[in-house]
Amino acid sequence: MSKAKAVKAYIRWACVVGSGPFPMDMLRFDYCFPVRGEDAAKLEADRTEKRAIALKSFTEGGQIFNEARWHSFGWEVVWQGEAPGGATERVESLERRIQKGLVE
């Protein structure tokens, strides 16, 4: 019987901001998914208002979120890192600023 190969998994978080249709293909491309249920609800295709979404990624190679590709869909990666709470904290802060009209 052969032994299973151990694989190191890298976990990264990100905060993305945009409006209009969410680029669903980026979930596959960056191996990521919404962190919270409220982030998942913001993926609805018919939403046109600006919104911030927290994402989490598991990869074998430690790839970072592809900022240029997100930008090509009209979305921006405003933060990414390895701190578990960093993405949700930034989303909450950005949501308050968006509601006040401080984020274009």
C-alpha atoms as a PDB file:
ATOM      1  CA  MET A   1       0.000   0.000   0.000  1.00  0.00           C
ATOM      2  CA  SER A   2       1.393   3.399  -0.921  1.00  0.00           C
ATOM      3  CA  LYS A   3       1.582   6.284   1.523  1.00  0.00           C
ATOM      4  CA  ALA A   4      -0.448   9.413   0.932  1.00  0.00           C
ATOM      5  CA  LYS A   5       1.659  12.403  -0.038  1.00  0.00           C
ATOM      6  CA  ALA A   6       1.502  15.321   2.388  1.00  0.00           C
ATOM      7  CA  VAL A   7       0.711  18.629   0.737  1.00  0.00           C
ATOM      8  CA  LYS A   8       1.269  22.019   2.311  1.00  0.00           C
ATOM      9  CA  ALA A   9      -1.779  24.250   1.949  1.00  0.00           C
ATOM     10  CA  TYR A  10      -1.480  28.023   1.938  1.00  0.00           C
ATOM     11  CA  ILE A  11      -4.382  30.112   3.180  1.00  0.00           C
ATOM     12  CA  ARG A  12      -4.815  33.732   2.082  1.00  0.00           C
ATOM     13  CA  TRP A  13      -7.580  36.271   2.564  1.00  0.00           C
ATOM     14  CA  ALA A  14      -8.567  39.218   0.396  1.00  0.00           C
ATOM     15  CA  CYS A  15     -11.011  42.081   0.225  1.00  0.00           C
ATOM     16  CA  VAL A  16     -12.350  42.960  -3.231  1.00  0.00           C
ATOM     17  CA  VAL A  17     -14.479  45.982  -4.149  1.00  0.00           C
ATOM     18  CA  GLY A  18     -16.585  46.525  -7.240  1.00  0.00           C
ATOM     19  CA  SER A  19     -20.026  47.029  -8.703  1.00  0.00           C
ATOM     20  CA  GLY A  20     -22.105  45.297 -11.313  1.00  0.00           C
ATOM     21  CA  PRO A  21     -21.903  41.585 -12.016  1.00  0.00           C
ATOM     22  CA  PHE A  22     -19.493  39.725  -9.764  1.00  0.00           C
ATOM     23  CA  PRO A  23     -16.776  37.938 -11.806  1.00  0.00           C
ATOM     24  CA  MET A  24     -17.666  34.373 -10.732  1.00  0.00           C
ATOM     25  CA  ASP A  25     -14.808  32.919 -12.783  1.00  0.00           C
ATOM     26  CA  MET A  26     -12.378  34.626 -10.389  1.00  0.00           C
ATOM     27  CA  LEU A  27     -13.503  32.223  -7.644  1.00  0.00           C
ATOM     28  CA  ARG A  28     -12.166  29.365  -9.758  1.00  0.00           C
ATOM     29  CA  PHE A  29      -9.133  31.279 -11.011  1.00  0.00           C
ATOM     30  CA  ASP A  30      -7.928  32.333  -7.535  1.00  0.00           C
ATOM     31  CA  TYR A  31      -9.166  29.149  -5.762  1.00  0.00           C
ATOM     32  CA  CYS A  32     -11.280  31.272  -3.420  1.00  0.00           C
ATOM     33  CA  PHE A  33     -14.715  31.536  -1.895  1.00  0.00           C
ATOM     34  CA  PRO A  34     -16.704  34.092   0.146  1.00  0.00           C
ATOM     35  CA  VAL A  35     -15.731  34.144   3.839  1.00  0.00           C
ATOM     36  CA  ARG A  36     -19.174  34.785   5.357  1.00  0.00           C
ATOM     37  CA  GLY A  37     -22.763  34.187   4.323  1.00  0.00           C
ATOM     38  CA  GLU A  38     -23.266  37.920   3.882  1.00  0.00           C
ATOM     39  CA  ASP A  39     -20.303  37.977   1.478  1.00  0.00           C
ATOM     40  CA  ALA A  40     -21.856  35.125  -0.527  1.00  0.00           C
ATOM     41  CA  ALA A  41     -25.144  37.052  -0.730  1.00  0.00           C
ATOM     42  CA  LYS A  42     -23.294  39.985  -2.331  1.00  0.00           C
ATOM     43  CA  LEU A  43     -22.363  37.829  -5.359  1.00  0.00           C
ATOM     44  CA  GLU A  44     -25.841  38.226  -6.902  1.00  0.00           C
ATOM     45  CA  ALA A  45     -25.498  39.062 -10.579  1.00  0.00           C
ATOM     46  CA  ASP A  46     -28.176  41.767 -10.640  1.00  0.00           C
ATOM     47  CA  ARG A  47     -26.562  44.008  -8.015  1.00  0.00           C
ATOM     48  CA  THR A  48     -25.306  47.303  -9.386  1.00  0.00           C
ATOM     49  CA  GLU A  49     -24.225  49.127  -6.228  1.00  0.00           C
ATOM     50  CA  LYS A  50     -20.601  49.171  -5.125  1.00  0.00           C
ATOM     51  CA  ARG A  51     -19.849  46.499  -2.539  1.00  0.00           C
ATOM     52  CA  ALA A  52     -16.931  44.972  -0.657  1.00  0.00           C
ATOM     53  CA  ILE A  53     -16.539  41.201  -0.347  1.00  0.00           C
ATOM     54  CA  ALA A  54     -14.205  39.149   1.876  1.00  0.00           C
ATOM     55  CA  LEU A  55     -12.677  36.081   0.198  1.00  0.00           C
ATOM     56  CA  LYS A  56     -10.577  33.150   1.405  1.00  0.00           C
ATOM     57  CA  SER A  57      -8.239  31.052  -0.742  1.00  0.00           C
ATOM     58  CA  PHE A  58      -6.608  27.641  -0.245  1.00  0.00           C
ATOM     59  CA  THR A  59      -3.720  26.825  -2.593  1.00  0.00           C
ATOM     60  CA  GLU A  60      -0.773  24.468  -2.704  1.00  0.00           C
ATOM     61  CA  GLY A  61       1.652  27.047  -4.066  1.00  0.00           C
ATOM     62  CA  GLY A  62       0.797  30.109  -2.028  1.00  0.00           C
ATOM     63  CA  GLN A  63      -0.400  32.088  -5.051  1.00  0.00           C
ATOM     64  CA  ILE A  64      -1.635  35.588  -4.382  1.00  0.00           C
ATOM     65  CA  PHE A  65      -4.910  36.993  -5.697  1.00  0.00           C
ATOM     66  CA  ASN A  66      -4.427  38.108  -9.305  1.00  0.00           C
ATOM     67  CA  GLU A  67      -5.008  41.872  -9.036  1.00  0.00           C
ATOM     68  CA  ALA A  68      -4.645  42.549 -12.768  1.00  0.00           C
ATOM     69  CA  ARG A  69      -7.276  39.953 -13.675  1.00  0.00           C
ATOM     70  CA  TRP A  70      -9.700  41.278 -11.035  1.00  0.00           C
ATOM     71  CA  HIS A  71      -9.152  44.763 -12.467  1.00  0.00           C
ATOM     72  CA  SER A  72      -9.977  43.495 -15.973  1.00  0.00           C
ATOM     73  CA  PHE A  73     -13.480  42.667 -14.652  1.00  0.00           C
ATOM     74  CA  GLY A  74     -13.859  46.126 -13.085  1.00  0.00           C
ATOM     75  CA  TRP A  75     -13.133  44.916  -9.534  1.00  0.00           C
ATOM     76  CA  GLU A  76     -10.229  45.847  -7.282  1.00  0.00           C
ATOM     77  CA  VAL A  77      -8.293  43.803  -4.739  1.00  0.00           C
ATOM     78  CA  VAL A  78      -7.937  46.405  -1.999  1.00  0.00           C
ATOM     79  CA  TRP A  79      -6.216  44.114   0.502  1.00  0.00           C
ATOM     80  CA  GLN A  80      -4.781  40.621   0.633  1.00  0.00           C
ATOM     81  CA  GLY A  81      -2.745  38.820   3.226  1.00  0.00           C
ATOM     82  CA  GLU A  82      -2.396  35.927   5.626  1.00  0.00           C
ATOM     83  CA  ALA A  83      -4.162  37.502   8.638  1.00  0.00           C
ATOM     84  CA  PRO A  84      -7.478  35.676   9.225  1.00  0.00           C
ATOM     85  CA  GLY A  85      -9.468  38.731  10.310  1.00  0.00           C
ATOM     86  CA  GLY A  86      -7.923  41.220   7.926  1.00  0.00           C
ATOM     87  CA  ALA A  87     -10.379  40.765   5.058  1.00  0.00           C
ATOM     88  CA  THR A  88     -13.553  40.926   7.138  1.00  0.00           C
ATOM     89  CA  GLU A  89     -12.313  43.953   9.081  1.00  0.00           C
ATOM     90  CA  ARG A  90     -11.582  45.799   5.847  1.00  0.00           C
ATOM     91  CA  VAL A  91     -14.940  44.806   4.343  1.00  0.00           C
ATOM     92  CA  GLU A  92     -16.797  46.163   7.364  1.00  0.00           C
ATOM     93  CA  SER A  93     -14.825  49.413   7.242  1.00  0.00           C
ATOM     94  CA  LEU A  94     -15.322  49.796   3.485  1.00  0.00           C
ATOM     95  CA  GLU A  95     -19.066  49.053   3.740  1.00  0.00           C
ATOM     96  CA  ARG A  96     -19.449  51.925   6.225  1.00  0.00           C
ATOM     97  CA  ARG A  97     -17.505  54.240   3.888  1.00  0.00           C
ATOM     98  CA  ILE A  98     -19.543  53.100   0.840  1.00  0.00           C
ATOM     99  CA  GLN A  99     -22.814  53.804   2.699  1.00  0.00           C
ATOM    100  CA  LYS A 100     -21.583  57.322   3.487  1.00  0.00           C
ATOM    101  CA  GLY A 101     -20.618  57.883  -0.164  1.00  0.00           C
ATOM    102  CA  LEU A 102     -16.914  58.134   0.650  1.00  0.00           C
ATOM    103  CA  VAL A 103     -15.834  55.382  -1.776  1.00  0.00           C
ATOM    104  CA  GLU A 104     -16.214  55.930  -5.517  1.00  0.00           C
END
